[in-house]
Amino acid sequence: MTRKERAAFNALKKIGAPVFERSDVAAFVISAENNDETQWADYYMEFGINRDSEIPGVHPDICTILDKYNIFAEWENPGALIAFED
């Protein structure tokens, strides 16, 4: 992971977002399947996450952190977003 990716990863962990390290095509993954207390990501946008957020279906706090560190994220599948330095 680059320094920016590590900083974003740690910031997301700090707010309780479900993130997991990865070592192939992405630095880390944001899970859309671990939404216990907070709805962090919802590919189908069925549970009230703003469709107008920067990444549709993704909690705005995640988008803010990714923007701060210039990290790009996209849906890999309905269960996860992959994230890496832009």
N, C-alpha and C. Protein backbone atom coordinates (compact mmCIF):
# COMPACT_ATOMS: atom_id res chain seq x y z
N MET A 1 0.84 -1.18 0.00
CA MET A 1 0.00 0.00 0.00
C MET A 1 0.88 1.24 0.00
N THR A 2 0.45 2.24 -0.74
CA THR A 2 1.16 3.52 -0.71
C THR A 2 0.84 4.25 0.59
N ARG A 3 1.56 5.31 0.84
CA ARG A 3 1.32 6.09 2.06
C ARG A 3 -0.11 6.64 2.09
N LYS A 4 -0.58 7.17 0.96
CA LYS A 4 -1.95 7.71 0.90
C LYS A 4 -2.99 6.60 1.10
N GLU A 5 -2.76 5.47 0.48
CA GLU A 5 -3.70 4.35 0.63
C GLU A 5 -3.76 3.89 2.08
N ARG A 6 -2.59 3.80 2.74
CA ARG A 6 -2.54 3.40 4.15
C ARG A 6 -3.26 4.42 5.02
N ALA A 7 -3.07 5.70 4.74
CA ALA A 7 -3.73 6.76 5.52
C ALA A 7 -5.24 6.68 5.37
N ALA A 8 -5.71 6.48 4.14
CA ALA A 8 -7.16 6.35 3.90
C ALA A 8 -7.70 5.10 4.58
N PHE A 9 -6.99 3.99 4.45
CA PHE A 9 -7.38 2.74 5.08
C PHE A 9 -7.54 2.92 6.59
N ASN A 10 -6.55 3.55 7.22
CA ASN A 10 -6.59 3.77 8.67
C ASN A 10 -7.72 4.72 9.07
N ALA A 11 -7.94 5.76 8.27
CA ALA A 11 -9.03 6.70 8.56
C ALA A 11 -10.39 6.00 8.45
N LEU A 12 -10.54 5.13 7.47
CA LEU A 12 -11.80 4.39 7.33
C LEU A 12 -11.99 3.43 8.49
N LYS A 13 -10.94 2.75 8.90
CA LYS A 13 -11.02 1.86 10.06
C LYS A 13 -11.42 2.64 11.31
N LYS A 14 -10.87 3.85 11.45
CA LYS A 14 -11.14 4.67 12.62
C LYS A 14 -12.62 5.03 12.75
N ILE A 15 -13.30 5.24 11.62
CA ILE A 15 -14.73 5.55 11.70
C ILE A 15 -15.60 4.29 11.74
N GLY A 16 -14.96 3.13 11.67
CA GLY A 16 -15.70 1.87 11.78
C GLY A 16 -16.13 1.25 10.47
N ALA A 17 -15.66 1.81 9.36
CA ALA A 17 -16.02 1.25 8.05
C ALA A 17 -15.36 -0.13 7.88
N PRO A 18 -16.05 -1.07 7.25
CA PRO A 18 -15.50 -2.41 7.07
C PRO A 18 -14.51 -2.47 5.90
N VAL A 19 -13.23 -2.33 6.21
CA VAL A 19 -12.18 -2.35 5.20
C VAL A 19 -11.23 -3.51 5.45
N PHE A 20 -10.70 -4.05 4.36
CA PHE A 20 -9.81 -5.19 4.43
C PHE A 20 -8.66 -4.99 3.46
N GLU A 21 -7.45 -5.31 3.89
CA GLU A 21 -6.29 -5.17 3.01
C GLU A 21 -6.37 -6.15 1.85
N ARG A 22 -5.75 -5.74 0.76
CA ARG A 22 -5.71 -6.56 -0.43
C ARG A 22 -4.35 -6.39 -1.08
N SER A 23 -3.90 -7.35 -1.83
CA SER A 23 -2.56 -7.23 -2.41
C SER A 23 -2.52 -7.54 -3.90
N ASP A 24 -3.67 -7.62 -4.54
CA ASP A 24 -3.65 -7.90 -5.98
C ASP A 24 -3.91 -6.62 -6.77
N VAL A 25 -5.09 -6.42 -7.29
CA VAL A 25 -5.38 -5.26 -8.13
C VAL A 25 -5.75 -4.01 -7.34
N ALA A 26 -5.95 -4.15 -6.03
CA ALA A 26 -6.36 -3.02 -5.21
C ALA A 26 -5.55 -2.98 -3.93
N ALA A 27 -5.50 -1.81 -3.31
CA ALA A 27 -4.81 -1.66 -2.03
C ALA A 27 -5.66 -2.23 -0.90
N PHE A 28 -6.97 -1.93 -0.98
CA PHE A 28 -7.88 -2.45 0.04
C PHE A 28 -9.29 -2.54 -0.52
N VAL A 29 -10.14 -3.20 0.25
CA VAL A 29 -11.54 -3.42 -0.14
C VAL A 29 -12.43 -2.81 0.92
N ILE A 30 -13.51 -2.19 0.48
CA ILE A 30 -14.56 -1.72 1.38
C ILE A 30 -15.72 -2.69 1.22
N SER A 31 -16.06 -3.36 2.29
CA SER A 31 -17.10 -4.38 2.22
C SER A 31 -18.50 -3.76 2.21
N ALA A 32 -19.36 -4.31 1.39
CA ALA A 32 -20.77 -3.93 1.38
C ALA A 32 -21.60 -5.00 2.08
N GLU A 33 -20.92 -5.97 2.67
CA GLU A 33 -21.61 -7.06 3.34
C GLU A 33 -21.53 -6.96 4.85
N ASN A 34 -20.74 -6.04 5.37
CA ASN A 34 -20.59 -5.86 6.81
C ASN A 34 -21.21 -4.53 7.21
N ASN A 35 -22.51 -4.46 7.21
CA ASN A 35 -23.22 -3.24 7.53
C ASN A 35 -24.06 -3.46 8.79
N ASP A 36 -23.40 -3.59 9.92
CA ASP A 36 -24.11 -3.89 11.15
C ASP A 36 -24.80 -2.66 11.73
N GLU A 37 -24.02 -1.76 12.29
CA GLU A 37 -24.56 -0.56 12.92
C GLU A 37 -24.87 0.53 11.89
N THR A 38 -24.03 0.64 10.89
CA THR A 38 -24.13 1.70 9.88
C THR A 38 -24.18 1.07 8.50
N GLN A 39 -25.00 1.63 7.64
CA GLN A 39 -25.07 1.17 6.26
C GLN A 39 -23.96 1.87 5.49
N TRP A 40 -22.80 1.20 5.33
CA TRP A 40 -21.64 1.81 4.70
C TRP A 40 -21.69 1.78 3.18
N ALA A 41 -22.18 0.69 2.62
CA ALA A 41 -22.23 0.57 1.17
C ALA A 41 -23.36 -0.38 0.79
N ASP A 42 -24.06 -0.03 -0.26
CA ASP A 42 -25.19 -0.84 -0.72
C ASP A 42 -25.28 -0.71 -2.24
N TYR A 43 -24.80 -1.70 -2.93
CA TYR A 43 -24.76 -1.69 -4.40
C TYR A 43 -26.14 -1.43 -5.01
N TYR A 44 -27.17 -2.05 -4.44
CA TYR A 44 -28.52 -1.92 -5.00
C TYR A 44 -29.28 -0.72 -4.46
N MET A 45 -28.68 0.00 -3.53
CA MET A 45 -29.26 1.21 -2.93
C MET A 45 -30.68 0.98 -2.41
N GLU A 46 -30.85 -0.11 -1.69
CA GLU A 46 -32.16 -0.45 -1.14
C GLU A 46 -32.38 0.07 0.27
N PHE A 47 -31.33 0.49 0.95
CA PHE A 47 -31.45 0.79 2.37
C PHE A 47 -31.17 2.24 2.72
N GLY A 48 -31.49 3.14 1.83
CA GLY A 48 -31.47 4.56 2.16
C GLY A 48 -30.18 5.32 1.95
N ILE A 49 -29.16 4.71 1.37
CA ILE A 49 -27.94 5.47 1.10
C ILE A 49 -28.22 6.39 -0.09
N ASN A 50 -27.74 7.60 0.01
CA ASN A 50 -27.97 8.63 -1.00
C ASN A 50 -27.49 8.18 -2.38
N ARG A 51 -28.38 8.20 -3.32
CA ARG A 51 -28.05 7.87 -4.70
C ARG A 51 -27.22 8.96 -5.36
N ASP A 52 -27.23 10.15 -4.77
CA ASP A 52 -26.52 11.28 -5.34
C ASP A 52 -25.12 11.46 -4.77
N SER A 53 -24.69 10.53 -3.93
CA SER A 53 -23.34 10.67 -3.39
C SER A 53 -22.32 10.49 -4.51
N GLU A 54 -21.10 10.84 -4.23
CA GLU A 54 -20.05 10.78 -5.26
C GLU A 54 -19.94 9.38 -5.87
N ILE A 55 -20.02 8.37 -5.03
CA ILE A 55 -20.07 6.99 -5.50
C ILE A 55 -21.45 6.48 -5.09
N PRO A 56 -22.38 6.33 -6.03
CA PRO A 56 -23.74 5.91 -5.66
C PRO A 56 -23.74 4.65 -4.80
N GLY A 57 -24.50 4.72 -3.71
CA GLY A 57 -24.62 3.59 -2.81
C GLY A 57 -23.55 3.53 -1.74
N VAL A 58 -22.68 4.52 -1.68
CA VAL A 58 -21.59 4.52 -0.69
C VAL A 58 -21.81 5.67 0.30
N HIS A 59 -21.64 5.37 1.57
CA HIS A 59 -21.84 6.35 2.64
C HIS A 59 -20.97 7.58 2.37
N PRO A 60 -21.52 8.79 2.55
CA PRO A 60 -20.78 10.02 2.27
C PRO A 60 -19.48 10.16 3.09
N ASP A 61 -19.44 9.61 4.30
CA ASP A 61 -18.20 9.70 5.10
C ASP A 61 -17.06 8.93 4.43
N ILE A 62 -17.38 7.82 3.78
CA ILE A 62 -16.36 7.07 3.04
C ILE A 62 -15.87 7.91 1.86
N CYS A 63 -16.80 8.50 1.12
CA CYS A 63 -16.42 9.33 -0.03
C CYS A 63 -15.54 10.50 0.39
N THR A 64 -15.85 11.12 1.52
CA THR A 64 -15.06 12.25 2.02
C THR A 64 -13.62 11.83 2.31
N ILE A 65 -13.45 10.69 2.95
CA ILE A 65 -12.11 10.20 3.26
C ILE A 65 -11.35 9.83 1.99
N LEU A 66 -12.01 9.15 1.08
CA LEU A 66 -11.35 8.78 -0.17
C LEU A 66 -10.91 10.03 -0.94
N ASP A 67 -11.76 11.04 -0.98
CA ASP A 67 -11.41 12.30 -1.65
C ASP A 67 -10.21 12.98 -0.98
N LYS A 68 -10.20 12.98 0.34
CA LYS A 68 -9.12 13.64 1.08
C LYS A 68 -7.76 13.07 0.70
N TYR A 69 -7.69 11.76 0.48
CA TYR A 69 -6.42 11.11 0.18
C TYR A 69 -6.24 10.79 -1.30
N ASN A 70 -7.16 11.28 -2.13
CA ASN A 70 -7.10 11.05 -3.57
C ASN A 70 -7.07 9.55 -3.91
N ILE A 71 -7.99 8.84 -3.28
CA ILE A 71 -8.13 7.40 -3.49
C ILE A 71 -9.37 7.15 -4.35
N PHE A 72 -9.21 6.31 -5.34
CA PHE A 72 -10.29 5.96 -6.26
C PHE A 72 -10.91 4.64 -5.80
N ALA A 73 -12.23 4.56 -5.84
CA ALA A 73 -12.91 3.31 -5.50
C ALA A 73 -13.99 3.05 -6.52
N GLU A 74 -14.18 1.78 -6.82
CA GLU A 74 -15.25 1.38 -7.73
C GLU A 74 -15.79 0.03 -7.29
N TRP A 75 -17.01 -0.24 -7.68
CA TRP A 75 -17.62 -1.51 -7.32
C TRP A 75 -16.91 -2.63 -8.07
N GLU A 76 -16.41 -3.59 -7.32
CA GLU A 76 -15.83 -4.80 -7.92
C GLU A 76 -16.94 -5.81 -8.18
N ASN A 77 -17.86 -5.88 -7.25
CA ASN A 77 -19.05 -6.72 -7.34
C ASN A 77 -20.04 -6.17 -6.31
N PRO A 78 -21.26 -6.67 -6.22
CA PRO A 78 -22.22 -6.11 -5.26
C PRO A 78 -21.79 -6.21 -3.79
N GLY A 79 -20.77 -6.99 -3.49
CA GLY A 79 -20.33 -7.15 -2.11
C GLY A 79 -19.13 -6.33 -1.71
N ALA A 80 -18.46 -5.67 -2.67
CA ALA A 80 -17.23 -4.97 -2.31
C ALA A 80 -16.85 -3.89 -3.31
N LEU A 81 -16.21 -2.86 -2.77
CA LEU A 81 -15.58 -1.83 -3.60
C LEU A 81 -14.08 -2.02 -3.47
N ILE A 82 -13.38 -1.90 -4.58
CA ILE A 82 -11.94 -1.94 -4.54
C ILE A 82 -11.43 -0.50 -4.52
N ALA A 83 -10.35 -0.27 -3.78
CA ALA A 83 -9.81 1.08 -3.63
C ALA A 83 -8.31 1.10 -3.89
N PHE A 84 -7.88 2.15 -4.56
CA PHE A 84 -6.46 2.30 -4.87
C PHE A 84 -6.17 3.76 -5.17
N GLU A 85 -4.90 4.13 -5.11
CA GLU A 85 -4.53 5.52 -5.37
C GLU A 85 -4.84 5.90 -6.80
N ASP A 86 -5.44 7.05 -6.97
CA ASP A 86 -5.87 7.53 -8.28
C ASP A 86 -4.70 8.05 -9.08
